[in-house]
All heavy atoms as atom14 arrays in JSON, in Angstrom:
{
  "sequence": "ALRAKEEGLVKFIGVTGHGLTVARMHIRSLERYDFDSVLLPYNYPLMQ",
  "atom14_mask": [
    [1, 1, 1, 1, 1, 0, 0, 0, 0, 0, 0, 0, 0, 0],
    [1, 1, 1, 1, 1, 1, 1, 1, 0, 0, 0, 0, 0, 0],
    [1, 1, 1, 1, 1, 1, 1, 1, 1, 1, 1, 0, 0, 0],
    [1, 1, 1, 1, 1, 0, 0, 0, 0, 0, 0, 0, 0, 0],
    [1, 1, 1, 1, 1, 1, 1, 1, 1, 0, 0, 0, 0, 0],
    [1, 1, 1, 1, 1, 1, 1, 1, 1, 0, 0, 0, 0, 0],
    [1, 1, 1, 1, 1, 1, 1, 1, 1, 0, 0, 0, 0, 0],
    [1, 1, 1, 1, 0, 0, 0, 0, 0, 0, 0, 0, 0, 0],
    [1, 1, 1, 1, 1, 1, 1, 1, 0, 0, 0, 0, 0, 0],
    [1, 1, 1, 1, 1, 1, 1, 0, 0, 0, 0, 0, 0, 0],
    [1, 1, 1, 1, 1, 1, 1, 1, 1, 0, 0, 0, 0, 0],
    [1, 1, 1, 1, 1, 1, 1, 1, 1, 1, 1, 0, 0, 0],
    [1, 1, 1, 1, 1, 1, 1, 1, 0, 0, 0, 0, 0, 0],
    [1, 1, 1, 1, 0, 0, 0, 0, 0, 0, 0, 0, 0, 0],
    [1, 1, 1, 1, 1, 1, 1, 0, 0, 0, 0, 0, 0, 0],
    [1, 1, 1, 1, 1, 1, 1, 0, 0, 0, 0, 0, 0, 0],
    [1, 1, 1, 1, 0, 0, 0, 0, 0, 0, 0, 0, 0, 0],
    [1, 1, 1, 1, 1, 1, 1, 1, 1, 1, 0, 0, 0, 0],
    [1, 1, 1, 1, 0, 0, 0, 0, 0, 0, 0, 0, 0, 0],
    [1, 1, 1, 1, 1, 1, 1, 1, 0, 0, 0, 0, 0, 0],
    [1, 1, 1, 1, 1, 1, 1, 0, 0, 0, 0, 0, 0, 0],
    [1, 1, 1, 1, 1, 1, 1, 0, 0, 0, 0, 0, 0, 0],
    [1, 1, 1, 1, 1, 0, 0, 0, 0, 0, 0, 0, 0, 0],
    [1, 1, 1, 1, 1, 1, 1, 1, 1, 1, 1, 0, 0, 0],
    [1, 1, 1, 1, 1, 1, 1, 1, 0, 0, 0, 0, 0, 0],
    [1, 1, 1, 1, 1, 1, 1, 1, 1, 1, 0, 0, 0, 0],
    [1, 1, 1, 1, 1, 1, 1, 1, 0, 0, 0, 0, 0, 0],
    [1, 1, 1, 1, 1, 1, 1, 1, 1, 1, 1, 0, 0, 0],
    [1, 1, 1, 1, 1, 1, 0, 0, 0, 0, 0, 0, 0, 0],
    [1, 1, 1, 1, 1, 1, 1, 1, 0, 0, 0, 0, 0, 0],
    [1, 1, 1, 1, 1, 1, 1, 1, 1, 0, 0, 0, 0, 0],
    [1, 1, 1, 1, 1, 1, 1, 1, 1, 1, 1, 0, 0, 0],
    [1, 1, 1, 1, 1, 1, 1, 1, 1, 1, 1, 1, 0, 0],
    [1, 1, 1, 1, 1, 1, 1, 1, 0, 0, 0, 0, 0, 0],
    [1, 1, 1, 1, 1, 1, 1, 1, 1, 1, 1, 0, 0, 0],
    [1, 1, 1, 1, 1, 1, 1, 1, 0, 0, 0, 0, 0, 0],
    [1, 1, 1, 1, 1, 1, 0, 0, 0, 0, 0, 0, 0, 0],
    [1, 1, 1, 1, 1, 1, 1, 0, 0, 0, 0, 0, 0, 0],
    [1, 1, 1, 1, 1, 1, 1, 1, 0, 0, 0, 0, 0, 0],
    [1, 1, 1, 1, 1, 1, 1, 1, 0, 0, 0, 0, 0, 0],
    [1, 1, 1, 1, 1, 1, 1, 0, 0, 0, 0, 0, 0, 0],
    [1, 1, 1, 1, 1, 1, 1, 1, 1, 1, 1, 1, 0, 0],
    [1, 1, 1, 1, 1, 1, 1, 1, 0, 0, 0, 0, 0, 0],
    [1, 1, 1, 1, 1, 1, 1, 1, 1, 1, 1, 1, 0, 0],
    [1, 1, 1, 1, 1, 1, 1, 0, 0, 0, 0, 0, 0, 0],
    [1, 1, 1, 1, 1, 1, 1, 1, 0, 0, 0, 0, 0, 0],
    [1, 1, 1, 1, 1, 1, 1, 1, 0, 0, 0, 0, 0, 0],
    [1, 1, 1, 1, 1, 1, 1, 1, 1, 0, 0, 0, 0, 0]
  ],
  "atom14_positions": [
    [[0.83, -1.21, 0.0], [0.0, 0.0, 0.0], [0.86, 1.25, 0.0], [0.57, 2.24, -0.69], [-0.94, -0.02, 1.2], [0.0, 0.0, 0.0], [0.0, 0.0, 0.0], [0.0, 0.0, 0.0], [0.0, 0.0, 0.0], [0.0, 0.0, 0.0], [0.0, 0.0, 0.0], [0.0, 0.0, 0.0], [0.0, 0.0, 0.0], [0.0, 0.0, 0.0]],
    [[1.95, 1.22, 0.78], [2.85, 2.36, 0.83], [3.56, 2.57, -0.51], [3.74, 3.71, -0.96], [3.87, 2.15, 1.95], [3.33, 2.24, 3.37], [4.35, 1.75, 4.38], [2.9, 3.67, 3.69], [0.0, 0.0, 0.0], [0.0, 0.0, 0.0], [0.0, 0.0, 0.0], [0.0, 0.0, 0.0], [0.0, 0.0, 0.0], [0.0, 0.0, 0.0]],
    [[3.94, 1.48, -1.17], [4.56, 1.59, -2.5], [3.55, 2.21, -3.49], [3.9, 3.1, -4.27], [4.99, 0.22, -2.99], [5.44, 0.18, -4.45], [6.79, 0.81, -4.67], [7.83, 0.04, -4.01], [8.4, -1.07, -4.52], [8.03, -1.52, -5.72], [9.34, -1.7, -3.84], [0.0, 0.0, 0.0], [0.0, 0.0, 0.0], [0.0, 0.0, 0.0]],
    [[2.32, 1.73, -3.42], [1.28, 2.26, -4.31], [1.04, 3.75, -4.05], [0.82, 4.52, -4.98], [-0.02, 1.48, -4.13], [0.0, 0.0, 0.0], [0.0, 0.0, 0.0], [0.0, 0.0, 0.0], [0.0, 0.0, 0.0], [0.0, 0.0, 0.0], [0.0, 0.0, 0.0], [0.0, 0.0, 0.0], [0.0, 0.0, 0.0], [0.0, 0.0, 0.0]],
    [[1.14, 4.16, -2.79], [0.98, 5.57, -2.46], [2.13, 6.38, -3.02], [1.94, 7.46, -3.6], [0.87, 5.74, -0.95], [0.62, 7.18, -0.51], [0.45, 7.27, 1.0], [0.2, 8.72, 1.43], [0.02, 8.82, 2.9], [0.0, 0.0, 0.0], [0.0, 0.0, 0.0], [0.0, 0.0, 0.0], [0.0, 0.0, 0.0], [0.0, 0.0, 0.0]],
    [[3.34, 5.88, -2.88], [4.53, 6.56, -3.42], [4.42, 6.74, -4.93], [4.86, 7.75, -5.48], [5.78, 5.76, -3.08], [6.17, 5.77, -1.61], [7.31, 4.81, -1.32], [7.8, 4.18, -2.29], [7.71, 4.7, -0.14], [0.0, 0.0, 0.0], [0.0, 0.0, 0.0], [0.0, 0.0, 0.0], [0.0, 0.0, 0.0], [0.0, 0.0, 0.0]],
    [[3.81, 5.76, -5.58], [3.7, 5.79, -7.04], [2.48, 6.56, -7.53], [2.24, 6.65, -8.73], [3.67, 4.36, -7.58], [4.98, 3.61, -7.33], [4.9, 2.14, -7.74], [3.78, 1.64, -7.97], [5.97, 1.51, -7.81], [0.0, 0.0, 0.0], [0.0, 0.0, 0.0], [0.0, 0.0, 0.0], [0.0, 0.0, 0.0], [0.0, 0.0, 0.0]],
    [[1.7, 7.09, -6.59], [0.52, 7.87, -6.97], [-0.68, 7.05, -7.37], [-1.64, 7.57, -7.94], [0.0, 0.0, 0.0], [0.0, 0.0, 0.0], [0.0, 0.0, 0.0], [0.0, 0.0, 0.0], [0.0, 0.0, 0.0], [0.0, 0.0, 0.0], [0.0, 0.0, 0.0], [0.0, 0.0, 0.0], [0.0, 0.0, 0.0], [0.0, 0.0, 0.0]],
    [[-0.66, 5.76, -7.05], [-1.79, 4.89, -7.39], [-2.92, 5.03, -6.36], [-4.08, 4.76, -6.67], [-1.34, 3.43, -7.46], [-0.18, 3.14, -8.42], [0.17, 1.66, -8.38], [-0.53, 3.58, -9.84], [0.0, 0.0, 0.0], [0.0, 0.0, 0.0], [0.0, 0.0, 0.0], [0.0, 0.0, 0.0], [0.0, 0.0, 0.0], [0.0, 0.0, 0.0]],
    [[-2.57, 5.41, -5.14], [-3.55, 5.64, -4.08], [-3.14, 6.9, -3.33], [-1.97, 7.28, -3.31], [-3.64, 4.44, -3.1], [-3.87, 3.13, -3.84], [-2.39, 4.34, -2.24], [0.0, 0.0, 0.0], [0.0, 0.0, 0.0], [0.0, 0.0, 0.0], [0.0, 0.0, 0.0], [0.0, 0.0, 0.0], [0.0, 0.0, 0.0], [0.0, 0.0, 0.0]],
    [[-4.13, 7.54, -2.73], [-3.85, 8.74, -1.94], [-3.72, 8.45, -0.45], [-2.86, 9.0, 0.23], [-4.95, 9.78, -2.15], [-4.99, 10.42, -3.51], [-6.09, 11.49, -3.53], [-6.17, 12.18, -4.88], [-7.26, 13.2, -4.91], [0.0, 0.0, 0.0], [0.0, 0.0, 0.0], [0.0, 0.0, 0.0], [0.0, 0.0, 0.0], [0.0, 0.0, 0.0]],
    [[-4.6, 7.59, 0.06], [-4.67, 7.34, 1.5], [-4.77, 5.84, 1.76], [-5.11, 5.06, 0.87], [-5.88, 8.06, 2.1], [-5.91, 9.54, 1.82], [-6.74, 10.06, 0.84], [-5.09, 10.41, 2.52], [-6.76, 11.43, 0.56], [-5.09, 11.77, 2.27], [-5.94, 12.29, 1.28], [0.0, 0.0, 0.0], [0.0, 0.0, 0.0], [0.0, 0.0, 0.0]],
    [[-4.48, 5.46, 3.01], [-4.45, 4.04, 3.39], [-5.3, 3.83, 4.63], [-5.18, 4.57, 5.61], [-3.01, 3.56, 3.66], [-2.12, 3.83, 2.44], [-2.99, 2.07, 4.02], [-0.65, 3.53, 2.68], [0.0, 0.0, 0.0], [0.0, 0.0, 0.0], [0.0, 0.0, 0.0], [0.0, 0.0, 0.0], [0.0, 0.0, 0.0], [0.0, 0.0, 0.0]],
    [[-6.16, 2.81, 4.6], [-7.03, 2.5, 5.73], [-6.97, 1.02, 6.1], [-6.28, 0.23, 5.45], [0.0, 0.0, 0.0], [0.0, 0.0, 0.0], [0.0, 0.0, 0.0], [0.0, 0.0, 0.0], [0.0, 0.0, 0.0], [0.0, 0.0, 0.0], [0.0, 0.0, 0.0], [0.0, 0.0, 0.0], [0.0, 0.0, 0.0], [0.0, 0.0, 0.0]],
    [[-7.72, 0.67, 7.13], [-7.79, -0.72, 7.59], [-9.22, -1.04, 7.97], [-9.94, -0.17, 8.49], [-6.82, -0.96, 8.77], [-7.19, -0.12, 9.98], [-6.73, -2.43, 9.14], [0.0, 0.0, 0.0], [0.0, 0.0, 0.0], [0.0, 0.0, 0.0], [0.0, 0.0, 0.0], [0.0, 0.0, 0.0], [0.0, 0.0, 0.0], [0.0, 0.0, 0.0]],
    [[-9.67, -2.27, 7.7], [-11.05, -2.66, 7.98], [-11.08, -3.97, 8.75], [-10.08, -4.68, 8.84], [-11.87, -2.84, 6.68], [-11.56, -4.11, 6.09], [-11.57, -1.73, 5.69], [0.0, 0.0, 0.0], [0.0, 0.0, 0.0], [0.0, 0.0, 0.0], [0.0, 0.0, 0.0], [0.0, 0.0, 0.0], [0.0, 0.0, 0.0], [0.0, 0.0, 0.0]],
    [[-12.26, -4.3, 9.29], [-12.39, -5.57, 9.99], [-13.78, -5.86, 10.49], [-14.65, -4.98, 10.51], [0.0, 0.0, 0.0], [0.0, 0.0, 0.0], [0.0, 0.0, 0.0], [0.0, 0.0, 0.0], [0.0, 0.0, 0.0], [0.0, 0.0, 0.0], [0.0, 0.0, 0.0], [0.0, 0.0, 0.0], [0.0, 0.0, 0.0], [0.0, 0.0, 0.0]],
    [[-13.97, -7.11, 10.9], [-15.24, -7.6, 11.43], [-14.97, -8.28, 12.78], [-13.83, -8.47, 13.18], [-15.87, -8.62, 10.48], [-16.1, -8.1, 9.1], [-17.28, -7.51, 8.73], [-15.31, -8.09, 8.0], [-17.22, -7.15, 7.46], [-16.03, -7.5, 7.0], [0.0, 0.0, 0.0], [0.0, 0.0, 0.0], [0.0, 0.0, 0.0], [0.0, 0.0, 0.0]],
    [[-16.05, -8.67, 13.44], [-15.91, -9.47, 14.65], [-15.72, -8.67, 15.92], [-15.57, -7.45, 15.9], [0.0, 0.0, 0.0], [0.0, 0.0, 0.0], [0.0, 0.0, 0.0], [0.0, 0.0, 0.0], [0.0, 0.0, 0.0], [0.0, 0.0, 0.0], [0.0, 0.0, 0.0], [0.0, 0.0, 0.0], [0.0, 0.0, 0.0], [0.0, 0.0, 0.0]],
    [[-15.73, -9.36, 17.04], [-15.69, -8.7, 18.35], [-14.33, -8.14, 18.71], [-14.23, -7.26, 19.56], [-16.13, -9.7, 19.44], [-17.6, -10.12, 19.42], [-17.87, -11.14, 20.52], [-18.52, -8.91, 19.59], [0.0, 0.0, 0.0], [0.0, 0.0, 0.0], [0.0, 0.0, 0.0], [0.0, 0.0, 0.0], [0.0, 0.0, 0.0], [0.0, 0.0, 0.0]],
    [[-13.27, -8.62, 18.06], [-11.92, -8.14, 18.4], [-11.45, -7.03, 17.48], [-10.32, -6.55, 17.62], [-10.91, -9.31, 18.34], [-10.84, -9.79, 16.99], [-11.31, -10.43, 19.28], [0.0, 0.0, 0.0], [0.0, 0.0, 0.0], [0.0, 0.0, 0.0], [0.0, 0.0, 0.0], [0.0, 0.0, 0.0], [0.0, 0.0, 0.0], [0.0, 0.0, 0.0]],
    [[-12.29, -6.59, 16.55], [-11.82, -5.67, 15.52], [-11.38, -4.33, 16.08], [-10.35, -3.78, 15.66], [-12.9, -5.47, 14.42], [-14.19, -4.93, 14.99], [-12.38, -4.55, 13.33], [0.0, 0.0, 0.0], [0.0, 0.0, 0.0], [0.0, 0.0, 0.0], [0.0, 0.0, 0.0], [0.0, 0.0, 0.0], [0.0, 0.0, 0.0], [0.0, 0.0, 0.0]],
    [[-12.11, -3.77, 17.02], [-11.73, -2.46, 17.57], [-10.36, -2.54, 18.24], [-9.51, -1.66, 18.07], [-12.79, -1.95, 18.54], [0.0, 0.0, 0.0], [0.0, 0.0, 0.0], [0.0, 0.0, 0.0], [0.0, 0.0, 0.0], [0.0, 0.0, 0.0], [0.0, 0.0, 0.0], [0.0, 0.0, 0.0], [0.0, 0.0, 0.0], [0.0, 0.0, 0.0]],
    [[-10.14, -3.61, 19.01], [-8.86, -3.79, 19.68], [-7.73, -3.96, 18.65], [-6.64, -3.42, 18.81], [-8.94, -5.02, 20.6], [-7.69, -5.35, 21.37], [-7.17, -4.2, 22.22], [-8.21, -3.58, 23.05], [-8.05, -2.44, 23.7], [-6.9, -1.8, 23.62], [-9.02, -1.95, 24.43], [0.0, 0.0, 0.0], [0.0, 0.0, 0.0], [0.0, 0.0, 0.0]],
    [[-8.02, -4.7, 17.57], [-6.99, -4.89, 16.54], [-6.73, -3.6, 15.77], [-5.59, -3.33, 15.37], [-7.41, -6.01, 15.58], [-7.38, -7.4, 16.21], [-5.74, -7.87, 16.85], [-4.79, -7.99, 15.33], [0.0, 0.0, 0.0], [0.0, 0.0, 0.0], [0.0, 0.0, 0.0], [0.0, 0.0, 0.0], [0.0, 0.0, 0.0], [0.0, 0.0, 0.0]],
    [[-7.76, -2.79, 15.58], [-7.55, -1.49, 14.91], [-6.66, -0.59, 15.77], [-5.83, 0.15, 15.24], [-8.88, -0.81, 14.64], [-9.61, -1.33, 13.44], [-9.04, -2.19, 12.53], [-10.88, -1.09, 13.0], [-9.93, -2.47, 11.58], [-11.04, -1.82, 11.84], [0.0, 0.0, 0.0], [0.0, 0.0, 0.0], [0.0, 0.0, 0.0], [0.0, 0.0, 0.0]],
    [[-6.85, -0.65, 17.07], [-5.99, 0.12, 17.97], [-4.54, -0.33, 17.8], [-3.61, 0.49, 17.71], [-6.46, -0.02, 19.43], [-7.82, 0.66, 19.62], [-5.43, 0.56, 20.39], [-8.48, 0.36, 20.95], [0.0, 0.0, 0.0], [0.0, 0.0, 0.0], [0.0, 0.0, 0.0], [0.0, 0.0, 0.0], [0.0, 0.0, 0.0], [0.0, 0.0, 0.0]],
    [[-4.35, -1.65, 17.72], [-3.01, -2.19, 17.51], [-2.46, -1.73, 16.16], [-1.27, -1.37, 16.06], [-3.07, -3.72, 17.57], [-1.72, -4.4, 17.44], [-1.91, -5.91, 17.46], [-0.62, -6.59, 17.29], [-0.5, -7.89, 17.06], [-1.58, -8.65, 16.99], [0.69, -8.43, 16.91], [0.0, 0.0, 0.0], [0.0, 0.0, 0.0], [0.0, 0.0, 0.0]],
    [[-3.3, -1.72, 15.14], [-2.86, -1.29, 13.82], [-2.44, 0.18, 13.82], [-1.43, 0.56, 13.2], [-3.98, -1.5, 12.79], [-4.23, -2.88, 12.59], [0.0, 0.0, 0.0], [0.0, 0.0, 0.0], [0.0, 0.0, 0.0], [0.0, 0.0, 0.0], [0.0, 0.0, 0.0], [0.0, 0.0, 0.0], [0.0, 0.0, 0.0], [0.0, 0.0, 0.0]],
    [[-3.19, 1.01, 14.54], [-2.86, 2.43, 14.61], [-1.58, 2.68, 15.41], [-0.94, 3.73, 15.25], [-4.02, 3.21, 15.21], [-5.25, 3.37, 14.29], [-6.43, 3.91, 15.08], [-4.92, 4.29, 13.12], [0.0, 0.0, 0.0], [0.0, 0.0, 0.0], [0.0, 0.0, 0.0], [0.0, 0.0, 0.0], [0.0, 0.0, 0.0], [0.0, 0.0, 0.0]],
    [[-1.23, 1.75, 16.25], [0.05, 1.85, 16.96], [1.22, 1.54, 16.02], [2.32, 2.06, 16.2], [0.07, 0.89, 18.15], [-0.88, 1.28, 19.28], [-0.99, 0.2, 20.34], [-0.48, -0.92, 20.11], [-1.6, 0.46, 21.39], [0.0, 0.0, 0.0], [0.0, 0.0, 0.0], [0.0, 0.0, 0.0], [0.0, 0.0, 0.0], [0.0, 0.0, 0.0]],
    [[0.97, 0.71, 15.01], [2.01, 0.31, 14.07], [2.15, 1.33, 12.92], [3.25, 1.62, 12.48], [1.7, -1.08, 13.5], [2.64, -1.54, 12.4], [4.07, -1.76, 12.9], [4.14, -2.84, 13.87], [4.32, -4.13, 13.56], [4.43, -4.49, 12.28], [4.38, -5.04, 14.5], [0.0, 0.0, 0.0], [0.0, 0.0, 0.0], [0.0, 0.0, 0.0]],
    [[0.99, 1.83, 12.44], [1.02, 2.77, 11.31], [-0.13, 3.76, 11.45], [-1.21, 3.42, 11.93], [0.9, 2.02, 9.97], [0.84, 2.94, 8.79], [2.0, 3.58, 8.33], [-0.37, 3.2, 8.15], [1.94, 4.45, 7.25], [-0.43, 4.07, 7.07], [0.73, 4.7, 6.63], [0.67, 5.57, 5.57], [0.0, 0.0, 0.0], [0.0, 0.0, 0.0]],
    [[0.09, 4.98, 11.02], [-0.9, 6.05, 11.17], [-1.9, 6.01, 10.01], [-1.87, 6.84, 9.1], [-0.19, 7.4, 11.22], [-1.11, 8.53, 11.67], [-2.13, 8.24, 12.33], [-0.79, 9.69, 11.35], [0.0, 0.0, 0.0], [0.0, 0.0, 0.0], [0.0, 0.0, 0.0], [0.0, 0.0, 0.0], [0.0, 0.0, 0.0], [0.0, 0.0, 0.0]],
    [[-2.81, 5.04, 10.07], [-3.81, 4.88, 9.02], [-4.72, 6.1, 8.92], [-4.96, 6.79, 9.93], [-4.65, 3.62, 9.27], [-3.93, 2.34, 9.0], [-3.33, 1.62, 10.03], [-3.83, 1.85, 7.71], [-2.65, 0.44, 9.78], [-3.15, 0.67, 7.45], [-2.56, -0.04, 8.49], [0.0, 0.0, 0.0], [0.0, 0.0, 0.0], [0.0, 0.0, 0.0]],
    [[-5.25, 6.33, 7.72], [-6.14, 7.47, 7.49], [-7.59, 7.16, 7.8], [-8.4, 8.09, 8.0], [-6.03, 7.92, 6.03], [-4.63, 8.37, 5.68], [-4.16, 9.36, 6.27], [-4.0, 7.71, 4.83], [0.0, 0.0, 0.0], [0.0, 0.0, 0.0], [0.0, 0.0, 0.0], [0.0, 0.0, 0.0], [0.0, 0.0, 0.0], [0.0, 0.0, 0.0]],
    [[-7.94, 5.88, 7.86], [-9.33, 5.5, 8.15], [-9.39, 4.11, 8.75], [-8.48, 3.31, 8.57], [-10.19, 5.54, 6.87], [-9.81, 4.49, 5.99], [0.0, 0.0, 0.0], [0.0, 0.0, 0.0], [0.0, 0.0, 0.0], [0.0, 0.0, 0.0], [0.0, 0.0, 0.0], [0.0, 0.0, 0.0], [0.0, 0.0, 0.0], [0.0, 0.0, 0.0]],
    [[-10.47, 3.86, 9.47], [-10.78, 2.53, 9.97], [-12.23, 2.22, 9.61], [-13.02, 3.12, 9.34], [-10.59, 2.41, 11.51], [-9.14, 2.68, 11.89], [-11.52, 3.35, 12.26], [0.0, 0.0, 0.0], [0.0, 0.0, 0.0], [0.0, 0.0, 0.0], [0.0, 0.0, 0.0], [0.0, 0.0, 0.0], [0.0, 0.0, 0.0], [0.0, 0.0, 0.0]],
    [[-12.56, 0.95, 9.61], [-13.93, 0.5, 9.32], [-14.23, -0.68, 10.22], [-13.41, -1.61, 10.31], [-14.06, 0.14, 7.84], [-15.41, -0.36, 7.33], [-15.56, -0.03, 5.83], [-15.58, -1.87, 7.52], [0.0, 0.0, 0.0], [0.0, 0.0, 0.0], [0.0, 0.0, 0.0], [0.0, 0.0, 0.0], [0.0, 0.0, 0.0], [0.0, 0.0, 0.0]],
    [[-15.43, -0.66, 10.84], [-15.8, -1.74, 11.76], [-17.3, -1.71, 12.03], [-17.96, -0.7, 11.77], [-15.03, -1.64, 13.08], [-15.37, -0.52, 14.07], [-14.69, -0.81, 15.42], [-14.97, 0.85, 13.59], [0.0, 0.0, 0.0], [0.0, 0.0, 0.0], [0.0, 0.0, 0.0], [0.0, 0.0, 0.0], [0.0, 0.0, 0.0], [0.0, 0.0, 0.0]],
    [[-17.86, -2.81, 12.56], [-19.3, -2.86, 12.84], [-19.71, -1.91, 13.96], [-18.96, -1.68, 14.92], [-19.52, -4.32, 13.26], [-18.36, -5.07, 12.71], [-17.22, -4.12, 12.77], [0.0, 0.0, 0.0], [0.0, 0.0, 0.0], [0.0, 0.0, 0.0], [0.0, 0.0, 0.0], [0.0, 0.0, 0.0], [0.0, 0.0, 0.0], [0.0, 0.0, 0.0]],
    [[-20.93, -1.39, 13.82], [-21.5, -0.51, 14.85], [-23.0, -0.5, 14.69], [-23.54, -0.05, 13.67], [-20.93, 0.91, 14.69], [-21.43, 1.91, 15.71], [-21.07, 1.83, 17.05], [-22.25, 2.97, 15.32], [-21.5, 2.76, 17.98], [-22.69, 3.92, 16.23], [-22.32, 3.81, 17.56], [-22.75, 4.74, 18.47], [0.0, 0.0, 0.0], [0.0, 0.0, 0.0]],
    [[-23.69, -1.05, 15.69], [-25.15, -0.99, 15.73], [-25.61, -1.14, 17.18], [-24.79, -1.44, 18.07], [-25.79, -2.05, 14.82], [-25.35, -3.46, 15.16], [-25.4, -3.89, 16.3], [-24.9, -4.2, 14.13], [0.0, 0.0, 0.0], [0.0, 0.0, 0.0], [0.0, 0.0, 0.0], [0.0, 0.0, 0.0], [0.0, 0.0, 0.0], [0.0, 0.0, 0.0]],
    [[-26.87, -0.92, 17.42], [-27.37, -0.89, 18.79], [-27.17, -2.22, 19.53], [-26.61, -2.23, 20.64], [-28.84, -0.48, 18.82], [-29.41, -0.41, 20.21], [-29.2, 0.72, 21.01], [-30.14, -1.47, 20.75], [-29.69, 0.78, 22.3], [-30.64, -1.42, 22.03], [-30.42, -0.29, 22.81], [-30.9, -0.23, 24.09], [0.0, 0.0, 0.0], [0.0, 0.0, 0.0]],
    [[-27.59, -3.37, 18.97], [-27.41, -4.62, 19.72], [-25.95, -4.92, 20.02], [-25.62, -5.38, 21.12], [-28.02, -5.68, 18.8], [-29.0, -4.92, 17.95], [-28.35, -3.59, 17.72], [0.0, 0.0, 0.0], [0.0, 0.0, 0.0], [0.0, 0.0, 0.0], [0.0, 0.0, 0.0], [0.0, 0.0, 0.0], [0.0, 0.0, 0.0], [0.0, 0.0, 0.0]],
    [[-25.07, -4.66, 19.06], [-23.66, -4.96, 19.26], [-23.06, -4.12, 20.38], [-22.24, -4.6, 21.17], [-22.89, -4.71, 17.97], [-21.4, -5.02, 17.96], [-21.12, -6.46, 18.35], [-20.8, -4.71, 16.59], [0.0, 0.0, 0.0], [0.0, 0.0, 0.0], [0.0, 0.0, 0.0], [0.0, 0.0, 0.0], [0.0, 0.0, 0.0], [0.0, 0.0, 0.0]],
    [[-23.51, -2.87, 20.47], [-22.95, -1.98, 21.49], [-23.5, -2.26, 22.89], [-23.09, -1.61, 23.85], [-23.2, -0.53, 21.1], [-22.35, -0.07, 19.92], [-20.57, -0.09, 20.27], [-20.42, 1.4, 21.28], [0.0, 0.0, 0.0], [0.0, 0.0, 0.0], [0.0, 0.0, 0.0], [0.0, 0.0, 0.0], [0.0, 0.0, 0.0], [0.0, 0.0, 0.0]],
    [[-24.38, -3.24, 23.01], [-24.81, -3.69, 24.34], [-23.81, -4.66, 24.94], [-23.9, -5.03, 26.12], [-26.21, -4.34, 24.28], [-27.28, -3.46, 23.63], [-27.25, -2.03, 24.12], [-27.47, -1.75, 25.31], [-27.0, -1.09, 23.21], [0.0, 0.0, 0.0], [0.0, 0.0, 0.0], [0.0, 0.0, 0.0], [0.0, 0.0, 0.0], [0.0, 0.0, 0.0]]
  ]
}
């Protein structure tokens, strides 16, 4: 992704995920690299 960004093929880099551990893994990902976006599930039943 970083090579593609250097070459002008992409502008920004993000990370996505599913499941109950996704938020924790996104936090880990943001510790490794400063991603521009994250994507994960969010709805009322899940947030209970």
